[in-house]
Amino acid sequence: MSWLILAFVVLAVAGVYLSWTAGRIDRLHTRLDAARAALEAQLFRRAAVALELATSGILDPATSLLVVDAAQRSRSAEDEEREIAGSDLSKALAVVFPDVETSQELARQPGAAELLAELGGACRRVEMARRFYNDTVASTRALRTRRLVRWFRLAGRARMPTTVEMDVVPPAGLVP
């Protein structure tokens, strides 16, 4: 009789542990969805500010065309192309703002200082959102690759998340 009680207790503890782990996986997936939405919102915001700067008349026509093209592609990119388009916008901004002197020279024009500060902030927020998303992906993958999680299929049919690999380093000229 005592063996039966012991077996019941062991099964109950195992069930509670598996249920807790499944709940944790679910919370991580919810956090992952929120982090992905935040990253996409920040990428869209950066593209919008870059587009606003390019169409403001502050930049020369050739530079404006480069930034407009990269910003438009970043805003209209589909899911598969979003990482490449985001990296292309980062590279275009790095070409336009290679150093602080260039930014300071542009900031002397009316209305430019505010736009440059806003673009610099948007670039930093994209970098932080990407880092937060990739950290959440790493946590989710670490939990989902455990043996018990795989054996009992606690993640259900959710796809394994992947990190976002794009160049999001703010341009040297926009870093305060």
N, C-alpha and C. Protein backbone atom coordinates (compact mmCIF):
# COMPACT_ATOMS: atom_id res chain seq x y z
N MET A 1 0.81 -1.20 0.00
CA MET A 1 0.00 0.00 0.00
C MET A 1 0.86 1.26 0.00
N SER A 2 1.96 1.25 0.76
CA SER A 2 2.82 2.43 0.81
C SER A 2 3.51 2.66 -0.53
N TRP A 3 3.77 1.59 -1.28
CA TRP A 3 4.36 1.75 -2.61
C TRP A 3 3.38 2.43 -3.56
N LEU A 4 2.14 2.12 -3.41
CA LEU A 4 1.12 2.74 -4.25
C LEU A 4 1.02 4.24 -3.97
N ILE A 5 1.07 4.61 -2.71
CA ILE A 5 1.03 6.03 -2.35
C ILE A 5 2.27 6.73 -2.86
N LEU A 6 3.43 6.10 -2.70
CA LEU A 6 4.68 6.69 -3.18
C LEU A 6 4.66 6.87 -4.70
N ALA A 7 4.14 5.88 -5.42
CA ALA A 7 4.05 5.98 -6.88
C ALA A 7 3.10 7.11 -7.27
N PHE A 8 2.00 7.24 -6.54
CA PHE A 8 1.06 8.32 -6.82
C PHE A 8 1.71 9.69 -6.59
N VAL A 9 2.46 9.83 -5.52
CA VAL A 9 3.13 11.10 -5.20
C VAL A 9 4.17 11.43 -6.27
N VAL A 10 4.94 10.43 -6.69
CA VAL A 10 5.96 10.65 -7.73
C VAL A 10 5.29 11.07 -9.03
N LEU A 11 4.21 10.40 -9.41
CA LEU A 11 3.50 10.77 -10.63
C LEU A 11 2.89 12.17 -10.52
N ALA A 12 2.38 12.52 -9.36
CA ALA A 12 1.80 13.85 -9.17
C ALA A 12 2.88 14.93 -9.28
N VAL A 13 4.04 14.69 -8.67
CA VAL A 13 5.13 15.66 -8.75
C VAL A 13 5.61 15.79 -10.20
N ALA A 14 5.74 14.66 -10.89
CA ALA A 14 6.16 14.70 -12.30
C ALA A 14 5.13 15.46 -13.14
N GLY A 15 3.86 15.23 -12.89
CA GLY A 15 2.81 15.93 -13.62
C GLY A 15 2.84 17.43 -13.36
N VAL A 16 3.05 17.81 -12.12
CA VAL A 16 3.13 19.24 -11.79
C VAL A 16 4.34 19.86 -12.48
N TYR A 17 5.47 19.16 -12.47
CA TYR A 17 6.68 19.69 -13.12
C TYR A 17 6.45 19.85 -14.63
N LEU A 18 5.86 18.84 -15.27
CA LEU A 18 5.60 18.92 -16.70
C LEU A 18 4.61 20.04 -17.02
N SER A 19 3.59 20.18 -16.19
CA SER A 19 2.62 21.25 -16.40
C SER A 19 3.27 22.62 -16.22
N TRP A 20 4.12 22.78 -15.22
CA TRP A 20 4.83 24.04 -14.99
C TRP A 20 5.74 24.35 -16.17
N THR A 21 6.43 23.34 -16.68
CA THR A 21 7.34 23.54 -17.82
C THR A 21 6.55 23.93 -19.07
N ALA A 22 5.42 23.28 -19.30
CA ALA A 22 4.59 23.62 -20.46
C ALA A 22 4.08 25.06 -20.34
N GLY A 23 3.70 25.47 -19.15
CA GLY A 23 3.27 26.85 -18.94
C GLY A 23 4.40 27.83 -19.18
N ARG A 24 5.59 27.46 -18.76
CA ARG A 24 6.75 28.33 -18.98
C ARG A 24 7.04 28.48 -20.47
N ILE A 25 6.94 27.38 -21.20
CA ILE A 25 7.14 27.44 -22.65
C ILE A 25 6.10 28.35 -23.29
N ASP A 26 4.86 28.22 -22.84
CA ASP A 26 3.80 29.07 -23.38
C ASP A 26 4.07 30.54 -23.09
N ARG A 27 4.51 30.85 -21.87
CA ARG A 27 4.83 32.25 -21.53
C ARG A 27 6.00 32.76 -22.37
N LEU A 28 7.00 31.91 -22.61
CA LEU A 28 8.13 32.33 -23.44
C LEU A 28 7.68 32.60 -24.88
N HIS A 29 6.78 31.78 -25.39
CA HIS A 29 6.28 32.01 -26.75
C HIS A 29 5.46 33.30 -26.82
N THR A 30 4.71 33.59 -25.77
CA THR A 30 3.97 34.86 -25.73
C THR A 30 4.94 36.03 -25.70
N ARG A 31 5.98 35.91 -24.88
CA ARG A 31 7.00 36.96 -24.81
C ARG A 31 7.72 37.11 -26.15
N LEU A 32 7.92 35.99 -26.83
CA LEU A 32 8.57 36.00 -28.13
C LEU A 32 7.72 36.75 -29.16
N ASP A 33 6.42 36.50 -29.15
CA ASP A 33 5.53 37.22 -30.06
C ASP A 33 5.54 38.72 -29.79
N ALA A 34 5.53 39.08 -28.52
CA ALA A 34 5.56 40.51 -28.16
C ALA A 34 6.89 41.14 -28.56
N ALA A 35 7.98 40.42 -28.37
CA ALA A 35 9.30 40.96 -28.75
C ALA A 35 9.41 41.11 -30.26
N ARG A 36 8.85 40.17 -31.00
CA ARG A 36 8.88 40.26 -32.46
C ARG A 36 8.06 41.46 -32.94
N ALA A 37 6.90 41.65 -32.34
CA ALA A 37 6.07 42.80 -32.71
C ALA A 37 6.78 44.12 -32.39
N ALA A 38 7.45 44.17 -31.25
CA ALA A 38 8.19 45.38 -30.87
C ALA A 38 9.34 45.64 -31.84
N LEU A 39 10.04 44.58 -32.23
CA LEU A 39 11.14 44.73 -33.19
C LEU A 39 10.62 45.25 -34.53
N GLU A 40 9.53 44.68 -35.01
CA GLU A 40 8.98 45.13 -36.29
C GLU A 40 8.49 46.57 -36.21
N ALA A 41 7.92 46.95 -35.08
CA ALA A 41 7.47 48.34 -34.90
C ALA A 41 8.66 49.29 -34.90
N GLN A 42 9.75 48.90 -34.25
CA GLN A 42 10.93 49.76 -34.22
C GLN A 42 11.60 49.84 -35.59
N LEU A 43 11.61 48.74 -36.33
CA LEU A 43 12.16 48.78 -37.69
C LEU A 43 11.32 49.70 -38.58
N PHE A 44 10.02 49.61 -38.44
CA PHE A 44 9.13 50.47 -39.22
C PHE A 44 9.33 51.93 -38.83
N ARG A 45 9.48 52.21 -37.54
CA ARG A 45 9.68 53.59 -37.08
C ARG A 45 10.99 54.15 -37.60
N ARG A 46 12.06 53.34 -37.57
CA ARG A 46 13.35 53.81 -38.08
C ARG A 46 13.25 54.13 -39.56
N ALA A 47 12.57 53.28 -40.32
CA ALA A 47 12.41 53.53 -41.75
C ALA A 47 11.59 54.80 -41.99
N ALA A 48 10.57 55.02 -41.17
CA ALA A 48 9.74 56.22 -41.33
C ALA A 48 10.54 57.49 -41.04
N VAL A 49 11.35 57.46 -40.00
CA VAL A 49 12.16 58.65 -39.66
C VAL A 49 13.22 58.88 -40.74
N ALA A 50 13.83 57.80 -41.23
CA ALA A 50 14.83 57.94 -42.30
C ALA A 50 14.18 58.51 -43.56
N LEU A 51 12.98 58.06 -43.86
CA LEU A 51 12.25 58.58 -45.01
C LEU A 51 11.90 60.06 -44.82
N GLU A 52 11.50 60.42 -43.61
CA GLU A 52 11.18 61.82 -43.32
C GLU A 52 12.43 62.69 -43.47
N LEU A 53 13.56 62.21 -43.00
CA LEU A 53 14.81 62.96 -43.13
C LEU A 53 15.20 63.10 -44.60
N ALA A 54 15.06 62.02 -45.35
CA ALA A 54 15.46 62.05 -46.77
C ALA A 54 14.58 62.98 -47.60
N THR A 55 13.33 63.11 -47.24
CA THR A 55 12.42 63.96 -48.02
C THR A 55 12.33 65.38 -47.47
N SER A 56 13.09 65.69 -46.43
CA SER A 56 13.02 67.02 -45.81
C SER A 56 13.84 68.07 -46.55
N GLY A 57 14.71 67.66 -47.45
CA GLY A 57 15.55 68.61 -48.16
C GLY A 57 16.86 68.91 -47.45
N ILE A 58 17.10 68.25 -46.34
CA ILE A 58 18.34 68.46 -45.58
C ILE A 58 19.52 67.79 -46.27
N LEU A 59 19.29 66.61 -46.81
CA LEU A 59 20.35 65.86 -47.48
C LEU A 59 20.43 66.27 -48.95
N ASP A 60 21.59 66.03 -49.55
CA ASP A 60 21.72 66.32 -50.98
C ASP A 60 20.88 65.30 -51.77
N PRO A 61 20.54 65.60 -53.03
CA PRO A 61 19.62 64.73 -53.80
C PRO A 61 20.10 63.28 -53.94
N ALA A 62 21.37 63.07 -54.20
CA ALA A 62 21.86 61.69 -54.37
C ALA A 62 21.75 60.91 -53.07
N THR A 63 22.12 61.53 -51.98
CA THR A 63 22.03 60.88 -50.67
C THR A 63 20.58 60.63 -50.31
N SER A 64 19.72 61.60 -50.59
CA SER A 64 18.30 61.43 -50.32
C SER A 64 17.73 60.24 -51.07
N LEU A 65 18.13 60.10 -52.33
CA LEU A 65 17.66 58.98 -53.14
C LEU A 65 18.10 57.65 -52.55
N LEU A 66 19.34 57.58 -52.08
CA LEU A 66 19.86 56.36 -51.46
C LEU A 66 19.06 56.00 -50.22
N VAL A 67 18.80 56.97 -49.37
CA VAL A 67 18.06 56.72 -48.13
C VAL A 67 16.60 56.41 -48.41
N VAL A 68 15.98 57.13 -49.34
CA VAL A 68 14.58 56.86 -49.69
C VAL A 68 14.41 55.44 -50.20
N ASP A 69 15.30 55.02 -51.09
CA ASP A 69 15.22 53.67 -51.64
C ASP A 69 15.34 52.62 -50.54
N ALA A 70 16.33 52.76 -49.67
CA ALA A 70 16.53 51.78 -48.60
C ALA A 70 15.37 51.81 -47.60
N ALA A 71 14.87 52.99 -47.27
CA ALA A 71 13.77 53.10 -46.32
C ALA A 71 12.47 52.53 -46.89
N GLN A 72 12.21 52.79 -48.17
CA GLN A 72 11.00 52.24 -48.80
C GLN A 72 11.05 50.71 -48.84
N ARG A 73 12.22 50.17 -49.20
CA ARG A 73 12.34 48.70 -49.23
C ARG A 73 12.20 48.11 -47.83
N SER A 74 12.71 48.81 -46.83
CA SER A 74 12.59 48.33 -45.45
C SER A 74 11.14 48.35 -44.98
N ARG A 75 10.40 49.38 -45.35
CA ARG A 75 9.00 49.48 -44.92
C ARG A 75 8.10 48.48 -45.63
N SER A 76 8.38 48.20 -46.90
CA SER A 76 7.48 47.34 -47.67
C SER A 76 7.95 45.89 -47.77
N ALA A 77 9.01 45.54 -47.08
CA ALA A 77 9.56 44.18 -47.18
C ALA A 77 8.62 43.16 -46.54
N GLU A 78 8.55 42.01 -47.19
CA GLU A 78 7.80 40.89 -46.63
C GLU A 78 8.64 40.23 -45.54
N ASP A 79 8.05 39.29 -44.81
CA ASP A 79 8.74 38.66 -43.69
C ASP A 79 10.09 38.05 -44.07
N GLU A 80 10.14 37.39 -45.23
CA GLU A 80 11.37 36.71 -45.64
C GLU A 80 12.48 37.71 -45.97
N GLU A 81 12.09 38.89 -46.44
CA GLU A 81 13.07 39.88 -46.90
C GLU A 81 13.35 40.97 -45.87
N ARG A 82 12.65 40.95 -44.74
CA ARG A 82 12.74 42.04 -43.78
C ARG A 82 14.14 42.19 -43.20
N GLU A 83 14.82 41.08 -42.93
CA GLU A 83 16.17 41.16 -42.36
C GLU A 83 17.15 41.79 -43.34
N ILE A 84 17.06 41.41 -44.59
CA ILE A 84 17.97 41.96 -45.61
C ILE A 84 17.68 43.44 -45.82
N ALA A 85 16.40 43.79 -45.91
CA ALA A 85 16.03 45.19 -46.12
C ALA A 85 16.44 46.06 -44.92
N GLY A 86 16.29 45.52 -43.71
CA GLY A 86 16.72 46.26 -42.53
C GLY A 86 18.22 46.47 -42.50
N SER A 87 18.96 45.45 -42.90
CA SER A 87 20.42 45.58 -42.98
C SER A 87 20.82 46.58 -44.04
N ASP A 88 20.11 46.57 -45.17
CA ASP A 88 20.42 47.53 -46.23
C ASP A 88 20.19 48.97 -45.77
N LEU A 89 19.13 49.19 -45.00
CA LEU A 89 18.89 50.54 -44.48
C LEU A 89 20.00 50.93 -43.50
N SER A 90 20.43 50.00 -42.67
CA SER A 90 21.53 50.29 -41.74
C SER A 90 22.79 50.66 -42.49
N LYS A 91 23.07 49.94 -43.56
CA LYS A 91 24.27 50.22 -44.36
C LYS A 91 24.15 51.58 -45.06
N ALA A 92 22.97 51.89 -45.56
CA ALA A 92 22.77 53.19 -46.22
C ALA A 92 22.95 54.33 -45.22
N LEU A 93 22.43 54.16 -44.01
CA LEU A 93 22.59 55.20 -42.99
C LEU A 93 24.05 55.32 -42.56
N ALA A 94 24.77 54.20 -42.54
CA ALA A 94 26.20 54.25 -42.19
C ALA A 94 27.00 55.00 -43.26
N VAL A 95 26.58 54.88 -44.52
CA VAL A 95 27.25 55.62 -45.60
C VAL A 95 26.94 57.11 -45.49
N VAL A 96 25.70 57.44 -45.16
CA VAL A 96 25.28 58.84 -45.09
C VAL A 96 25.87 59.54 -43.87
N PHE A 97 25.97 58.83 -42.76
CA PHE A 97 26.48 59.42 -41.51
C PHE A 97 27.74 58.67 -41.04
N PRO A 98 28.85 58.82 -41.78
CA PRO A 98 30.06 58.06 -41.44
C PRO A 98 30.75 58.53 -40.16
N ASP A 99 30.57 59.80 -39.81
CA ASP A 99 31.24 60.32 -38.62
C ASP A 99 30.41 61.45 -38.00
N VAL A 100 30.81 61.85 -36.82
CA VAL A 100 30.07 62.87 -36.07
C VAL A 100 30.14 64.22 -36.77
N GLU A 101 31.25 64.52 -37.43
CA GLU A 101 31.39 65.81 -38.10
C GLU A 101 30.33 66.00 -39.18
N THR A 102 30.07 64.95 -39.93
CA THR A 102 29.04 65.01 -40.97
C THR A 102 27.68 65.33 -40.36
N SER A 103 27.36 64.65 -39.27
CA SER A 103 26.08 64.89 -38.60
C SER A 103 25.99 66.29 -38.03
N GLN A 104 27.09 66.76 -37.45
CA GLN A 104 27.09 68.12 -36.89
C GLN A 104 26.92 69.17 -37.98
N GLU A 105 27.52 68.92 -39.12
CA GLU A 105 27.38 69.84 -40.25
C GLU A 105 25.92 69.89 -40.73
N LEU A 106 25.29 68.72 -40.82
CA LEU A 106 23.89 68.68 -41.24
C LEU A 106 22.97 69.28 -40.18
N ALA A 107 23.33 69.11 -38.91
CA ALA A 107 22.47 69.58 -37.81
C ALA A 107 22.36 71.10 -37.77
N ARG A 108 23.24 71.80 -38.45
CA ARG A 108 23.18 73.27 -38.46
C ARG A 108 22.00 73.78 -39.29
N GLN A 109 21.48 72.95 -40.17
CA GLN A 109 20.34 73.37 -41.00
C GLN A 109 19.07 73.41 -40.15
N PRO A 110 18.13 74.26 -40.50
CA PRO A 110 16.90 74.38 -39.70
C PRO A 110 16.11 73.07 -39.67
N GLY A 111 15.74 72.63 -38.48
CA GLY A 111 14.94 71.42 -38.31
C GLY A 111 15.72 70.12 -38.38
N ALA A 112 16.98 70.19 -38.74
CA ALA A 112 17.77 68.97 -38.93
C ALA A 112 18.17 68.32 -37.61
N ALA A 113 18.47 69.13 -36.61
CA ALA A 113 18.94 68.57 -35.33
C ALA A 113 17.89 67.65 -34.72
N GLU A 114 16.63 68.04 -34.79
CA GLU A 114 15.56 67.22 -34.22
C GLU A 114 15.42 65.91 -34.98
N LEU A 115 15.46 65.99 -36.31
CA LEU A 115 15.34 64.77 -37.12
C LEU A 115 16.52 63.84 -36.90
N LEU A 116 17.72 64.39 -36.80
CA LEU A 116 18.90 63.55 -36.57
C LEU A 116 18.85 62.89 -35.19
N ALA A 117 18.39 63.64 -34.19
CA ALA A 117 18.26 63.06 -32.85
C ALA A 117 17.20 61.96 -32.84
N GLU A 118 16.11 62.20 -33.55
CA GLU A 118 15.04 61.20 -33.63
C GLU A 118 15.53 59.95 -34.36
N LEU A 119 16.28 60.13 -35.44
CA LEU A 119 16.81 58.99 -36.18
C LEU A 119 17.83 58.22 -35.34
N GLY A 120 18.67 58.93 -34.62
CA GLY A 120 19.64 58.26 -33.74
C GLY A 120 18.94 57.44 -32.67
N GLY A 121 17.89 58.01 -32.08
CA GLY A 121 17.11 57.28 -31.08
C GLY A 121 16.42 56.06 -31.67
N ALA A 122 15.89 56.22 -32.87
CA ALA A 122 15.22 55.08 -33.53
C ALA A 122 16.21 53.97 -33.82
N CYS A 123 17.41 54.33 -34.23
CA CYS A 123 18.45 53.31 -34.51
C CYS A 123 18.84 52.57 -33.24
N ARG A 124 18.97 53.28 -32.13
CA ARG A 124 19.31 52.63 -30.86
C ARG A 124 18.18 51.73 -30.38
N ARG A 125 16.93 52.16 -30.58
CA ARG A 125 15.80 51.33 -30.16
C ARG A 125 15.70 50.06 -31.00
N VAL A 126 16.04 50.14 -32.28
CA VAL A 126 16.06 48.93 -33.12
C VAL A 126 17.11 47.96 -32.61
N GLU A 127 18.27 48.49 -32.27
CA GLU A 127 19.35 47.64 -31.75
C GLU A 127 18.92 46.94 -30.46
N MET A 128 18.28 47.67 -29.56
CA MET A 128 17.84 47.07 -28.29
C MET A 128 16.71 46.07 -28.52
N ALA A 129 15.77 46.38 -29.41
CA ALA A 129 14.66 45.46 -29.68
C ALA A 129 15.17 44.16 -30.29
N ARG A 130 16.16 44.25 -31.17
CA ARG A 130 16.75 43.04 -31.76
C ARG A 130 17.44 42.21 -30.69
N ARG A 131 18.18 42.87 -29.82
CA ARG A 131 18.89 42.15 -28.76
C ARG A 131 17.89 41.47 -27.83
N PHE A 132 16.82 42.17 -27.46
CA PHE A 132 15.80 41.59 -26.59
C PHE A 132 15.13 40.39 -27.26
N TYR A 133 14.81 40.53 -28.54
CA TYR A 133 14.19 39.43 -29.27
C TYR A 133 15.12 38.21 -29.33
N ASN A 134 16.38 38.44 -29.67
CA ASN A 134 17.32 37.32 -29.78
C ASN A 134 17.58 36.67 -28.42
N ASP A 135 17.57 37.44 -27.34
CA ASP A 135 17.71 36.85 -26.00
C ASP A 135 16.51 35.97 -25.68
N THR A 136 15.33 36.42 -26.05
CA THR A 136 14.12 35.63 -25.82
C THR A 136 14.14 34.35 -26.65
N VAL A 137 14.62 34.44 -27.89
CA VAL A 137 14.76 33.25 -28.73
C VAL A 137 15.72 32.27 -28.09
N ALA A 138 16.84 32.75 -27.58
CA ALA A 138 17.83 31.87 -26.95
C ALA A 138 17.24 31.17 -25.73
N SER A 139 16.47 31.89 -24.92
CA SER A 139 15.84 31.28 -23.74
C SER A 139 14.82 30.22 -24.16
N THR A 140 14.04 30.54 -25.17
CA THR A 140 13.03 29.60 -25.64
C THR A 140 13.67 28.34 -26.22
N ARG A 141 14.70 28.52 -27.02
CA ARG A 141 15.38 27.37 -27.62
C ARG A 141 16.05 26.51 -26.56
N ALA A 142 16.63 27.15 -25.55
CA ALA A 142 17.29 26.39 -24.48
C ALA A 142 16.29 25.51 -23.75
N LEU A 143 15.11 26.03 -23.49
CA LEU A 143 14.09 25.24 -22.80
C LEU A 143 13.52 24.16 -23.71
N ARG A 144 13.29 24.51 -24.96
CA ARG A 144 12.67 23.55 -25.87
C ARG A 144 13.60 22.42 -26.28
N THR A 145 14.89 22.57 -26.14
CA THR A 145 15.81 21.49 -26.52
C THR A 145 16.07 20.51 -25.38
N ARG A 146 15.48 20.72 -24.23
CA ARG A 146 15.63 19.76 -23.14
C ARG A 146 14.92 18.46 -23.50
N ARG A 147 15.48 17.38 -23.00
CA ARG A 147 14.96 16.05 -23.34
C ARG A 147 13.49 15.87 -22.97
N LEU A 148 13.13 16.20 -21.73
CA LEU A 148 11.74 15.98 -21.29
C LEU A 148 10.75 16.80 -22.12
N VAL A 149 11.15 17.99 -22.50
CA VAL A 149 10.26 18.83 -23.32
C VAL A 149 10.05 18.18 -24.68
N ARG A 150 11.09 17.63 -25.25
CA ARG A 150 10.96 16.96 -26.56
C ARG A 150 10.19 15.65 -26.42
N TRP A 151 10.51 14.85 -25.40
CA TRP A 151 9.85 13.55 -25.24
C TRP A 151 8.35 13.69 -25.02
N PHE A 152 7.95 14.65 -24.22
CA PHE A 152 6.53 14.83 -23.93
C PHE A 152 5.87 15.86 -24.84
N ARG A 153 6.61 16.37 -25.79
CA ARG A 153 6.11 17.35 -26.77
C ARG A 153 5.36 18.50 -26.10
N LEU A 154 6.02 19.08 -25.12
CA LEU A 154 5.39 20.14 -24.34
C LEU A 154 5.23 21.44 -25.12
N ALA A 155 5.98 21.60 -26.19
CA ALA A 155 5.88 22.82 -26.99
C ALA A 155 4.75 22.73 -28.01
N GLY A 156 4.09 21.60 -28.07
CA GLY A 156 3.01 21.44 -29.04
C GLY A 156 3.55 21.43 -30.45
N ARG A 157 2.88 22.14 -31.32
CA ARG A 157 3.30 22.18 -32.73
C ARG A 157 3.93 23.51 -33.11
N ALA A 158 4.29 24.29 -32.12
CA ALA A 158 4.91 25.58 -32.39
C ALA A 158 6.27 25.36 -33.05
N ARG A 159 6.56 26.20 -34.04
CA ARG A 159 7.85 26.10 -34.72
C ARG A 159 8.95 26.59 -33.80
N MET A 160 10.14 26.04 -33.99
CA MET A 160 11.30 26.48 -33.23
C MET A 160 11.65 27.90 -33.68
N PRO A 161 11.76 28.84 -32.76
CA PRO A 161 12.05 30.23 -33.16
C PRO A 161 13.48 30.38 -33.66
N THR A 162 13.68 31.35 -34.53
CA THR A 162 15.01 31.64 -35.05
C THR A 162 15.38 33.08 -34.71
N THR A 163 16.66 33.31 -34.59
CA THR A 163 17.13 34.66 -34.28
C THR A 163 17.05 35.55 -35.51
N VAL A 164 17.05 36.84 -35.26
CA VAL A 164 17.06 37.83 -36.33
C VAL A 164 18.50 38.26 -36.52
N GLU A 165 19.04 37.97 -37.69
CA GLU A 165 20.42 38.31 -37.99
C GLU A 165 20.43 39.44 -39.01
N MET A 166 20.60 40.64 -38.50
CA MET A 166 20.69 41.80 -39.39
C MET A 166 21.64 42.81 -38.77
N ASP A 167 22.15 43.67 -39.63
CA ASP A 167 23.05 44.73 -39.19
C ASP A 167 22.19 45.87 -38.65
N VAL A 168 22.23 46.09 -37.34
CA VAL A 168 21.43 47.15 -36.74
C VAL A 168 22.29 48.11 -35.92
N VAL A 169 23.59 48.07 -36.11
CA VAL A 169 24.47 48.97 -35.37
C VAL A 169 24.19 50.41 -35.82
N PRO A 170 23.93 51.30 -34.88
CA PRO A 170 23.67 52.70 -35.27
C PRO A 170 24.87 53.30 -36.00
N PRO A 171 24.63 54.14 -36.99
CA PRO A 171 25.74 54.77 -37.71
C PRO A 171 26.63 55.58 -36.76
N ALA A 172 27.91 55.59 -37.04
CA ALA A 172 28.87 56.28 -36.18
C ALA A 172 28.53 57.76 -36.04
N GLY A 173 27.97 58.35 -37.07
CA GLY A 173 27.64 59.76 -37.03
C GLY A 173 26.42 60.10 -36.21
N LEU A 174 25.61 59.10 -35.86
CA LEU A 174 24.40 59.36 -35.08
C LEU A 174 24.55 58.96 -33.62
N VAL A 175 25.67 58.36 -33.27
CA VAL A 175 25.89 57.96 -31.88
C VAL A 175 26.32 59.18 -31.09
N PRO A 176 25.63 59.48 -29.98
CA PRO A 176 25.98 60.69 -29.21
C PRO A 176 27.32 60.57 -28.51
